[in-house]
Amino acid sequence: MSTAEITSKKIFESNVLHASIGLETMKAGVVGGVAGALAGSAFGWWVAMPSREIIREAASKSMLFAGIGAAFYGTKCTVAHIRHKDDMWNAPVGGLVAGVLLGLRSGKMIKVLAHGATVPVLIAIAEWGAYNTSARKGLSYEEKQAKRDSGVFQWPRRDPYQERWEEIQKKEGATSA
């Protein structure tokens, strides 16, 4: 029996400074559109809408998620390119644009301001958490991002029990010799 190599291909470029802004924005829009279509379909099914209404709901959510996803990631990449830095402050600026777009959908200025203030703060808290966690482990922000992007599904996976067993065997061999 042959063992097939398991590989995963990343959708987005790991380092936004080396990425094409337009291409990354289009990818984010497509991913957001697919996620929105799935969310709209699931919502329509959950509340037992007729088929025609489910399709309309899925199309509406697809366009919303695609627009907000593309605006967020496109702005994040643009800010990184302008600043020549890929750090934790790029995402909140993208969140500001995404939040404003989300608020504009309602047509009320108070909601535009509320979403425009809330979304970047939430994103900044999440980014700060990731940055703070990596700093505590002695990793730079870039090293943390690289470690995160290395993939969960790497094969062969490390077996800590096997490593520990080998360690014990070495110690027992050293003491008996």
N, C-alpha and C. Protein backbone atom coordinates (compact mmCIF):
# COMPACT_ATOMS: atom_id res chain seq x y z
N MET A 1 0.85 -1.16 0.00
CA MET A 1 0.00 0.00 0.00
C MET A 1 0.90 1.23 0.00
N SER A 2 0.61 2.17 -0.88
CA SER A 2 1.44 3.37 -0.96
C SER A 2 0.84 4.47 -0.08
N THR A 3 1.71 5.29 0.43
CA THR A 3 1.24 6.41 1.23
C THR A 3 1.27 7.66 0.37
N ALA A 4 0.15 8.27 0.26
CA ALA A 4 0.05 9.50 -0.53
C ALA A 4 0.48 10.67 0.35
N GLU A 5 1.19 11.60 -0.26
CA GLU A 5 1.64 12.78 0.48
C GLU A 5 0.47 13.74 0.62
N ILE A 6 0.23 14.16 1.83
CA ILE A 6 -0.85 15.08 2.10
C ILE A 6 -0.28 16.49 2.12
N THR A 7 -0.79 17.33 1.25
CA THR A 7 -0.32 18.72 1.21
C THR A 7 -1.54 19.63 1.24
N SER A 8 -1.31 20.82 1.71
CA SER A 8 -2.37 21.81 1.69
C SER A 8 -1.84 23.03 0.97
N LYS A 9 -2.70 23.65 0.20
CA LYS A 9 -2.31 24.84 -0.53
C LYS A 9 -3.02 26.03 0.10
N LYS A 10 -2.28 27.08 0.35
CA LYS A 10 -2.84 28.25 0.98
C LYS A 10 -3.63 29.06 -0.05
N ILE A 11 -4.73 29.62 0.39
CA ILE A 11 -5.52 30.48 -0.49
C ILE A 11 -4.90 31.86 -0.54
N PHE A 12 -4.53 32.38 0.61
CA PHE A 12 -3.99 33.73 0.70
C PHE A 12 -2.48 33.68 0.89
N GLU A 13 -1.82 34.70 0.39
CA GLU A 13 -0.37 34.85 0.56
C GLU A 13 -0.07 35.06 2.05
N SER A 14 0.96 34.38 2.57
CA SER A 14 1.30 34.50 3.98
C SER A 14 1.78 35.91 4.33
N ASN A 15 2.58 36.48 3.48
CA ASN A 15 3.11 37.81 3.74
C ASN A 15 2.43 38.79 2.79
N VAL A 16 1.61 39.67 3.33
CA VAL A 16 0.85 40.58 2.47
C VAL A 16 1.74 41.60 1.77
N LEU A 17 2.98 41.79 2.25
CA LEU A 17 3.88 42.72 1.58
C LEU A 17 4.34 42.20 0.23
N HIS A 18 4.35 40.89 0.07
CA HIS A 18 4.76 40.28 -1.20
C HIS A 18 3.57 39.93 -2.09
N ALA A 19 2.39 40.22 -1.64
CA ALA A 19 1.18 39.83 -2.36
C ALA A 19 0.71 40.93 -3.30
N SER A 20 -0.02 40.53 -4.31
CA SER A 20 -0.67 41.48 -5.20
C SER A 20 -1.97 41.92 -4.54
N ILE A 21 -2.15 43.22 -4.38
CA ILE A 21 -3.32 43.73 -3.69
C ILE A 21 -4.60 43.34 -4.42
N GLY A 22 -4.61 43.51 -5.72
CA GLY A 22 -5.81 43.19 -6.49
C GLY A 22 -6.17 41.72 -6.43
N LEU A 23 -5.18 40.85 -6.57
CA LEU A 23 -5.43 39.41 -6.54
C LEU A 23 -5.92 38.96 -5.16
N GLU A 24 -5.29 39.48 -4.11
CA GLU A 24 -5.72 39.11 -2.76
C GLU A 24 -7.13 39.62 -2.47
N THR A 25 -7.45 40.81 -2.98
CA THR A 25 -8.79 41.36 -2.80
C THR A 25 -9.83 40.50 -3.50
N MET A 26 -9.51 40.07 -4.73
CA MET A 26 -10.44 39.20 -5.46
C MET A 26 -10.63 37.87 -4.74
N LYS A 27 -9.54 37.30 -4.24
CA LYS A 27 -9.65 36.03 -3.50
C LYS A 27 -10.53 36.19 -2.27
N ALA A 28 -10.33 37.29 -1.54
CA ALA A 28 -11.15 37.53 -0.34
C ALA A 28 -12.61 37.70 -0.72
N GLY A 29 -12.87 38.36 -1.84
CA GLY A 29 -14.25 38.52 -2.30
C GLY A 29 -14.89 37.19 -2.65
N VAL A 30 -14.14 36.33 -3.32
CA VAL A 30 -14.67 35.01 -3.69
C VAL A 30 -14.93 34.16 -2.44
N VAL A 31 -13.96 34.15 -1.52
CA VAL A 31 -14.15 33.37 -0.28
C VAL A 31 -15.34 33.91 0.50
N GLY A 32 -15.45 35.24 0.59
CA GLY A 32 -16.58 35.85 1.28
C GLY A 32 -17.89 35.53 0.59
N GLY A 33 -17.90 35.53 -0.75
CA GLY A 33 -19.11 35.22 -1.50
C GLY A 33 -19.58 33.79 -1.25
N VAL A 34 -18.64 32.86 -1.24
CA VAL A 34 -18.99 31.46 -0.98
C VAL A 34 -19.51 31.31 0.45
N ALA A 35 -18.82 31.94 1.40
CA ALA A 35 -19.28 31.87 2.80
C ALA A 35 -20.66 32.49 2.96
N GLY A 36 -20.89 33.61 2.27
CA GLY A 36 -22.20 34.27 2.35
C GLY A 36 -23.30 33.42 1.73
N ALA A 37 -23.00 32.77 0.62
CA ALA A 37 -23.99 31.90 -0.01
C ALA A 37 -24.35 30.73 0.90
N LEU A 38 -23.33 30.16 1.54
CA LEU A 38 -23.60 29.07 2.48
C LEU A 38 -24.40 29.55 3.68
N ALA A 39 -24.03 30.71 4.21
CA ALA A 39 -24.75 31.25 5.38
C ALA A 39 -26.19 31.60 5.02
N GLY A 40 -26.40 32.22 3.86
CA GLY A 40 -27.76 32.57 3.45
C GLY A 40 -28.61 31.33 3.19
N SER A 41 -28.00 30.32 2.58
CA SER A 41 -28.74 29.08 2.33
C SER A 41 -29.09 28.38 3.64
N ALA A 42 -28.13 28.32 4.55
CA ALA A 42 -28.39 27.67 5.84
C ALA A 42 -29.48 28.42 6.62
N PHE A 43 -29.42 29.75 6.60
CA PHE A 43 -30.44 30.53 7.29
C PHE A 43 -31.82 30.29 6.67
N GLY A 44 -31.89 30.30 5.36
CA GLY A 44 -33.16 30.06 4.68
C GLY A 44 -33.72 28.69 4.97
N TRP A 45 -32.85 27.70 5.00
CA TRP A 45 -33.30 26.35 5.31
C TRP A 45 -33.77 26.28 6.76
N TRP A 46 -33.02 26.92 7.67
CA TRP A 46 -33.34 26.85 9.09
C TRP A 46 -34.71 27.44 9.41
N VAL A 47 -35.07 28.55 8.76
CA VAL A 47 -36.36 29.18 9.04
C VAL A 47 -37.44 28.70 8.07
N ALA A 48 -37.14 27.68 7.29
CA ALA A 48 -38.10 27.04 6.39
C ALA A 48 -38.69 28.00 5.36
N MET A 49 -37.81 28.73 4.66
CA MET A 49 -38.26 29.61 3.58
C MET A 49 -38.56 28.77 2.35
N PRO A 50 -39.39 29.28 1.45
CA PRO A 50 -39.57 28.62 0.17
C PRO A 50 -38.27 28.67 -0.65
N SER A 51 -38.11 27.76 -1.58
CA SER A 51 -36.87 27.65 -2.36
C SER A 51 -36.47 28.96 -3.02
N ARG A 52 -37.43 29.64 -3.61
CA ARG A 52 -37.13 30.90 -4.30
C ARG A 52 -36.58 31.95 -3.32
N GLU A 53 -37.13 31.97 -2.12
CA GLU A 53 -36.66 32.91 -1.09
C GLU A 53 -35.26 32.53 -0.58
N ILE A 54 -35.01 31.24 -0.49
CA ILE A 54 -33.68 30.78 -0.06
C ILE A 54 -32.62 31.23 -1.05
N ILE A 55 -32.92 31.11 -2.33
CA ILE A 55 -31.97 31.54 -3.36
C ILE A 55 -31.74 33.04 -3.28
N ARG A 56 -32.80 33.80 -3.07
CA ARG A 56 -32.67 35.25 -2.94
C ARG A 56 -31.85 35.61 -1.70
N GLU A 57 -32.11 34.93 -0.60
CA GLU A 57 -31.36 35.18 0.64
C GLU A 57 -29.88 34.82 0.47
N ALA A 58 -29.61 33.69 -0.18
CA ALA A 58 -28.23 33.27 -0.42
C ALA A 58 -27.50 34.27 -1.31
N ALA A 59 -28.17 34.77 -2.34
CA ALA A 59 -27.54 35.76 -3.23
C ALA A 59 -27.27 37.06 -2.49
N SER A 60 -28.20 37.48 -1.66
CA SER A 60 -28.03 38.71 -0.89
C SER A 60 -26.87 38.61 0.08
N LYS A 61 -26.82 37.52 0.84
CA LYS A 61 -25.73 37.33 1.80
C LYS A 61 -24.39 37.14 1.09
N SER A 62 -24.42 36.48 -0.06
CA SER A 62 -23.20 36.27 -0.83
C SER A 62 -22.60 37.60 -1.25
N MET A 63 -23.42 38.51 -1.76
CA MET A 63 -22.93 39.82 -2.18
C MET A 63 -22.42 40.63 -0.98
N LEU A 64 -23.13 40.55 0.13
CA LEU A 64 -22.72 41.28 1.33
C LEU A 64 -21.38 40.78 1.84
N PHE A 65 -21.24 39.47 2.01
CA PHE A 65 -20.00 38.89 2.52
C PHE A 65 -18.85 39.13 1.55
N ALA A 66 -19.11 39.03 0.26
CA ALA A 66 -18.06 39.25 -0.74
C ALA A 66 -17.56 40.69 -0.68
N GLY A 67 -18.47 41.63 -0.60
CA GLY A 67 -18.08 43.04 -0.55
C GLY A 67 -17.32 43.38 0.71
N ILE A 68 -17.82 42.91 1.84
CA ILE A 68 -17.16 43.22 3.11
C ILE A 68 -15.81 42.50 3.21
N GLY A 69 -15.76 41.26 2.77
CA GLY A 69 -14.49 40.52 2.80
C GLY A 69 -13.44 41.16 1.90
N ALA A 70 -13.85 41.54 0.69
CA ALA A 70 -12.91 42.18 -0.23
C ALA A 70 -12.47 43.54 0.29
N ALA A 71 -13.39 44.31 0.85
CA ALA A 71 -13.04 45.62 1.40
C ALA A 71 -12.07 45.48 2.57
N PHE A 72 -12.34 44.53 3.46
CA PHE A 72 -11.48 44.34 4.62
C PHE A 72 -10.07 43.93 4.18
N TYR A 73 -9.98 42.86 3.41
CA TYR A 73 -8.65 42.33 3.08
C TYR A 73 -7.91 43.23 2.10
N GLY A 74 -8.64 43.84 1.18
CA GLY A 74 -8.01 44.78 0.26
C GLY A 74 -7.44 45.98 0.99
N THR A 75 -8.18 46.50 1.96
CA THR A 75 -7.68 47.63 2.75
C THR A 75 -6.50 47.20 3.61
N LYS A 76 -6.58 46.02 4.19
CA LYS A 76 -5.47 45.52 5.01
C LYS A 76 -4.20 45.42 4.18
N CYS A 77 -4.29 44.86 2.98
CA CYS A 77 -3.12 44.74 2.10
C CYS A 77 -2.62 46.11 1.66
N THR A 78 -3.54 47.01 1.33
CA THR A 78 -3.14 48.34 0.88
C THR A 78 -2.41 49.09 1.99
N VAL A 79 -2.92 49.04 3.20
CA VAL A 79 -2.27 49.72 4.32
C VAL A 79 -0.89 49.11 4.58
N ALA A 80 -0.78 47.79 4.48
CA ALA A 80 0.52 47.15 4.68
C ALA A 80 1.52 47.61 3.61
N HIS A 81 1.05 47.74 2.37
CA HIS A 81 1.93 48.20 1.30
C HIS A 81 2.33 49.67 1.49
N ILE A 82 1.40 50.49 1.93
CA ILE A 82 1.70 51.91 2.13
C ILE A 82 2.69 52.08 3.28
N ARG A 83 2.48 51.35 4.38
CA ARG A 83 3.33 51.48 5.56
C ARG A 83 4.61 50.66 5.46
N HIS A 84 4.69 49.73 4.51
CA HIS A 84 5.83 48.81 4.37
C HIS A 84 6.03 47.99 5.63
N LYS A 85 4.91 47.64 6.28
CA LYS A 85 4.94 46.83 7.50
C LYS A 85 3.74 45.89 7.50
N ASP A 86 3.99 44.65 7.87
CA ASP A 86 2.90 43.70 8.06
C ASP A 86 2.81 43.43 9.56
N ASP A 87 2.01 44.25 10.25
CA ASP A 87 1.89 44.10 11.69
C ASP A 87 0.43 44.11 12.10
N MET A 88 0.20 44.20 13.40
CA MET A 88 -1.16 44.06 13.93
C MET A 88 -2.05 45.27 13.68
N TRP A 89 -1.54 46.38 13.15
CA TRP A 89 -2.33 47.59 12.96
C TRP A 89 -2.99 47.67 11.60
N ASN A 90 -2.66 46.78 10.69
CA ASN A 90 -3.26 46.81 9.35
C ASN A 90 -4.71 46.31 9.38
N ALA A 91 -4.96 45.26 10.15
CA ALA A 91 -6.29 44.67 10.20
C ALA A 91 -7.36 45.61 10.78
N PRO A 92 -7.08 46.37 11.84
CA PRO A 92 -8.12 47.29 12.32
C PRO A 92 -8.51 48.36 11.30
N VAL A 93 -7.56 48.80 10.47
CA VAL A 93 -7.91 49.77 9.43
C VAL A 93 -8.84 49.12 8.41
N GLY A 94 -8.55 47.87 8.06
CA GLY A 94 -9.47 47.12 7.19
C GLY A 94 -10.82 46.93 7.85
N GLY A 95 -10.81 46.71 9.16
CA GLY A 95 -12.05 46.57 9.92
C GLY A 95 -12.87 47.84 9.93
N LEU A 96 -12.20 48.99 9.94
CA LEU A 96 -12.89 50.27 9.87
C LEU A 96 -13.68 50.39 8.57
N VAL A 97 -13.02 50.07 7.46
CA VAL A 97 -13.70 50.15 6.16
C VAL A 97 -14.84 49.14 6.08
N ALA A 98 -14.59 47.91 6.54
CA ALA A 98 -15.64 46.89 6.52
C ALA A 98 -16.81 47.29 7.42
N GLY A 99 -16.51 47.85 8.58
CA GLY A 99 -17.57 48.28 9.50
C GLY A 99 -18.40 49.41 8.92
N VAL A 100 -17.75 50.37 8.26
CA VAL A 100 -18.48 51.46 7.63
C VAL A 100 -19.39 50.92 6.53
N LEU A 101 -18.89 49.99 5.72
CA LEU A 101 -19.73 49.39 4.67
C LEU A 101 -20.91 48.64 5.27
N LEU A 102 -20.67 47.96 6.36
CA LEU A 102 -21.75 47.24 7.03
C LEU A 102 -22.79 48.22 7.56
N GLY A 103 -22.34 49.34 8.10
CA GLY A 103 -23.26 50.35 8.59
C GLY A 103 -24.00 51.07 7.48
N LEU A 104 -23.36 51.28 6.34
CA LEU A 104 -24.01 51.94 5.21
C LEU A 104 -25.20 51.14 4.69
N ARG A 105 -25.16 49.84 4.90
CA ARG A 105 -26.26 48.99 4.43
C ARG A 105 -27.58 49.37 5.10
N SER A 106 -27.51 49.87 6.33
CA SER A 106 -28.73 50.25 7.04
C SER A 106 -29.25 51.61 6.60
N GLY A 107 -28.34 52.47 6.14
CA GLY A 107 -28.75 53.79 5.69
C GLY A 107 -28.87 54.82 6.80
N LYS A 108 -28.47 54.48 8.02
CA LYS A 108 -28.56 55.41 9.13
C LYS A 108 -27.14 55.77 9.59
N MET A 109 -26.90 57.06 9.77
CA MET A 109 -25.57 57.53 10.12
C MET A 109 -25.11 57.00 11.47
N ILE A 110 -26.01 56.84 12.43
CA ILE A 110 -25.62 56.33 13.74
C ILE A 110 -25.10 54.90 13.63
N LYS A 111 -25.70 54.10 12.75
CA LYS A 111 -25.22 52.73 12.56
C LYS A 111 -23.89 52.70 11.82
N VAL A 112 -23.70 53.64 10.89
CA VAL A 112 -22.41 53.73 10.20
C VAL A 112 -21.31 54.02 11.22
N LEU A 113 -21.57 54.98 12.11
CA LEU A 113 -20.59 55.32 13.14
C LEU A 113 -20.38 54.18 14.13
N ALA A 114 -21.46 53.54 14.52
CA ALA A 114 -21.36 52.44 15.49
C ALA A 114 -20.57 51.27 14.91
N HIS A 115 -20.91 50.86 13.70
CA HIS A 115 -20.18 49.75 13.08
C HIS A 115 -18.74 50.16 12.76
N GLY A 116 -18.57 51.40 12.32
CA GLY A 116 -17.23 51.89 12.00
C GLY A 116 -16.33 51.97 13.22
N ALA A 117 -16.91 52.09 14.40
CA ALA A 117 -16.11 52.14 15.64
C ALA A 117 -15.96 50.75 16.27
N THR A 118 -17.01 49.95 16.21
CA THR A 118 -17.00 48.67 16.90
C THR A 118 -16.14 47.61 16.20
N VAL A 119 -16.30 47.48 14.89
CA VAL A 119 -15.59 46.42 14.16
C VAL A 119 -14.07 46.56 14.29
N PRO A 120 -13.48 47.75 14.06
CA PRO A 120 -12.02 47.82 14.21
C PRO A 120 -11.54 47.59 15.64
N VAL A 121 -12.33 47.97 16.62
CA VAL A 121 -11.93 47.72 18.01
C VAL A 121 -11.91 46.22 18.29
N LEU A 122 -12.92 45.50 17.83
CA LEU A 122 -12.94 44.05 18.03
C LEU A 122 -11.79 43.37 17.30
N ILE A 123 -11.51 43.82 16.08
CA ILE A 123 -10.40 43.24 15.32
C ILE A 123 -9.07 43.58 15.99
N ALA A 124 -8.94 44.80 16.49
CA ALA A 124 -7.70 45.19 17.18
C ALA A 124 -7.48 44.35 18.43
N ILE A 125 -8.55 44.05 19.15
CA ILE A 125 -8.42 43.20 20.35
C ILE A 125 -7.96 41.80 19.95
N ALA A 126 -8.53 41.26 18.89
CA ALA A 126 -8.13 39.92 18.43
C ALA A 126 -6.68 39.93 17.95
N GLU A 127 -6.29 40.93 17.19
CA GLU A 127 -4.91 41.03 16.72
C GLU A 127 -3.94 41.23 17.89
N TRP A 128 -4.33 42.05 18.87
CA TRP A 128 -3.49 42.27 20.03
C TRP A 128 -3.30 40.96 20.80
N GLY A 129 -4.37 40.18 20.90
CA GLY A 129 -4.27 38.88 21.57
C GLY A 129 -3.29 37.97 20.87
N ALA A 130 -3.35 37.93 19.55
CA ALA A 130 -2.41 37.10 18.79
C ALA A 130 -0.99 37.63 18.94
N TYR A 131 -0.83 38.94 18.90
CA TYR A 131 0.48 39.55 19.04
C TYR A 131 1.04 39.33 20.44
N ASN A 132 0.22 39.51 21.45
CA ASN A 132 0.64 39.34 22.84
C ASN A 132 1.01 37.89 23.14
N THR A 133 0.24 36.96 22.60
CA THR A 133 0.53 35.54 22.80
C THR A 133 1.86 35.18 22.18
N SER A 134 2.11 35.67 20.97
CA SER A 134 3.38 35.36 20.32
C SER A 134 4.54 36.02 21.04
N ALA A 135 4.33 37.21 21.59
CA ALA A 135 5.40 37.90 22.31
C ALA A 135 5.75 37.15 23.59
N ARG A 136 4.75 36.58 24.26
CA ARG A 136 5.01 35.81 25.48
C ARG A 136 5.80 34.55 25.20
N LYS A 137 5.61 33.98 24.04
CA LYS A 137 6.34 32.76 23.69
C LYS A 137 7.71 33.07 23.09
N GLY A 138 8.06 34.34 23.02
CA GLY A 138 9.36 34.72 22.50
C GLY A 138 9.43 34.76 20.99
N LEU A 139 8.30 34.76 20.33
CA LEU A 139 8.26 34.82 18.86
C LEU A 139 7.91 36.22 18.41
N SER A 140 8.46 36.62 17.30
CA SER A 140 8.04 37.89 16.72
C SER A 140 6.68 37.69 16.06
N TYR A 141 6.03 38.79 15.72
CA TYR A 141 4.72 38.70 15.07
C TYR A 141 4.83 37.92 13.76
N GLU A 142 5.89 38.16 12.99
CA GLU A 142 6.08 37.47 11.71
C GLU A 142 6.30 35.97 11.92
N GLU A 143 7.08 35.61 12.95
CA GLU A 143 7.30 34.19 13.24
C GLU A 143 6.01 33.50 13.65
N LYS A 144 5.18 34.22 14.43
CA LYS A 144 3.89 33.67 14.85
C LYS A 144 3.00 33.43 13.63
N GLN A 145 2.97 34.40 12.70
CA GLN A 145 2.18 34.25 11.49
C GLN A 145 2.69 33.06 10.66
N ALA A 146 4.01 32.93 10.54
CA ALA A 146 4.58 31.82 9.79
C ALA A 146 4.25 30.48 10.45
N LYS A 147 4.31 30.44 11.78
CA LYS A 147 3.97 29.22 12.50
C LYS A 147 2.49 28.87 12.31
N ARG A 148 1.63 29.90 12.36
CA ARG A 148 0.20 29.69 12.16
C ARG A 148 -0.07 29.17 10.75
N ASP A 149 0.65 29.70 9.77
CA ASP A 149 0.41 29.32 8.38
C ASP A 149 1.12 28.04 7.98
N SER A 150 1.90 27.43 8.89
CA SER A 150 2.62 26.22 8.53
C SER A 150 1.68 25.05 8.30
N GLY A 151 0.48 25.12 8.83
CA GLY A 151 -0.51 24.09 8.55
C GLY A 151 -0.68 23.11 9.68
N VAL A 152 -1.92 22.77 9.94
CA VAL A 152 -2.25 21.81 10.97
C VAL A 152 -2.12 20.39 10.42
N PHE A 153 -2.29 20.24 9.12
CA PHE A 153 -2.36 18.92 8.52
C PHE A 153 -1.04 18.47 7.92
N GLN A 154 0.06 18.84 8.56
CA GLN A 154 1.35 18.40 8.06
C GLN A 154 1.50 16.91 8.33
N TRP A 155 2.15 16.23 7.40
CA TRP A 155 2.31 14.80 7.53
C TRP A 155 3.75 14.45 7.32
N PRO A 156 4.37 13.60 8.02
CA PRO A 156 3.86 12.89 9.18
C PRO A 156 3.84 13.80 10.40
N ARG A 157 2.85 13.59 11.21
CA ARG A 157 2.72 14.40 12.42
C ARG A 157 3.68 13.90 13.49
N ARG A 158 4.09 14.81 14.33
CA ARG A 158 4.97 14.51 15.44
C ARG A 158 4.19 13.71 16.47
N ASP A 159 4.81 12.67 17.01
CA ASP A 159 4.18 11.84 18.04
C ASP A 159 4.91 12.07 19.36
N PRO A 160 4.36 12.90 20.24
CA PRO A 160 5.07 13.22 21.49
C PRO A 160 5.23 12.00 22.40
N TYR A 161 4.31 11.04 22.34
CA TYR A 161 4.42 9.86 23.17
C TYR A 161 5.60 8.99 22.72
N GLN A 162 5.74 8.86 21.41
CA GLN A 162 6.86 8.10 20.86
C GLN A 162 8.18 8.77 21.20
N GLU A 163 8.23 10.09 21.10
CA GLU A 163 9.45 10.83 21.44
C GLU A 163 9.80 10.63 22.91
N ARG A 164 8.82 10.69 23.78
CA ARG A 164 9.06 10.51 25.21
C ARG A 164 9.51 9.09 25.50
N TRP A 165 8.92 8.11 24.83
CA TRP A 165 9.30 6.72 25.03
C TRP A 165 10.76 6.51 24.62
N GLU A 166 11.17 7.11 23.51
CA GLU A 166 12.56 7.00 23.06
C GLU A 166 13.51 7.66 24.06
N GLU A 167 13.08 8.77 24.64
CA GLU A 167 13.87 9.46 25.66
C GLU A 167 14.07 8.56 26.88
N ILE A 168 13.01 7.90 27.32
CA ILE A 168 13.09 6.99 28.46
C ILE A 168 14.01 5.82 28.15
N GLN A 169 13.88 5.29 26.93
CA GLN A 169 14.73 4.17 26.52
C GLN A 169 16.21 4.56 26.55
N LYS A 170 16.51 5.78 26.08
CA LYS A 170 17.90 6.26 26.09
C LYS A 170 18.43 6.36 27.52
N LYS A 171 17.60 6.92 28.42
CA LYS A 171 18.03 7.08 29.80
C LYS A 171 18.25 5.72 30.47
N GLU A 172 17.37 4.78 30.21
CA GLU A 172 17.52 3.44 30.80
C GLU A 172 18.74 2.74 30.23
N GLY A 173 19.01 2.93 28.93
CA GLY A 173 20.18 2.34 28.31
C GLY A 173 21.46 2.95 28.86
N ALA A 174 21.45 4.25 29.15
CA ALA A 174 22.62 4.93 29.67
C ALA A 174 22.91 4.53 31.11
N THR A 175 21.86 4.31 31.90
CA THR A 175 22.06 3.95 33.32
C THR A 175 22.46 2.49 33.48
N SER A 176 22.02 1.61 32.59
CA SER A 176 22.34 0.19 32.72
C SER A 176 23.72 -0.12 32.15
N ALA A 177 24.26 0.75 31.30
CA ALA A 177 25.55 0.46 30.68
C ALA A 177 26.73 0.87 31.52
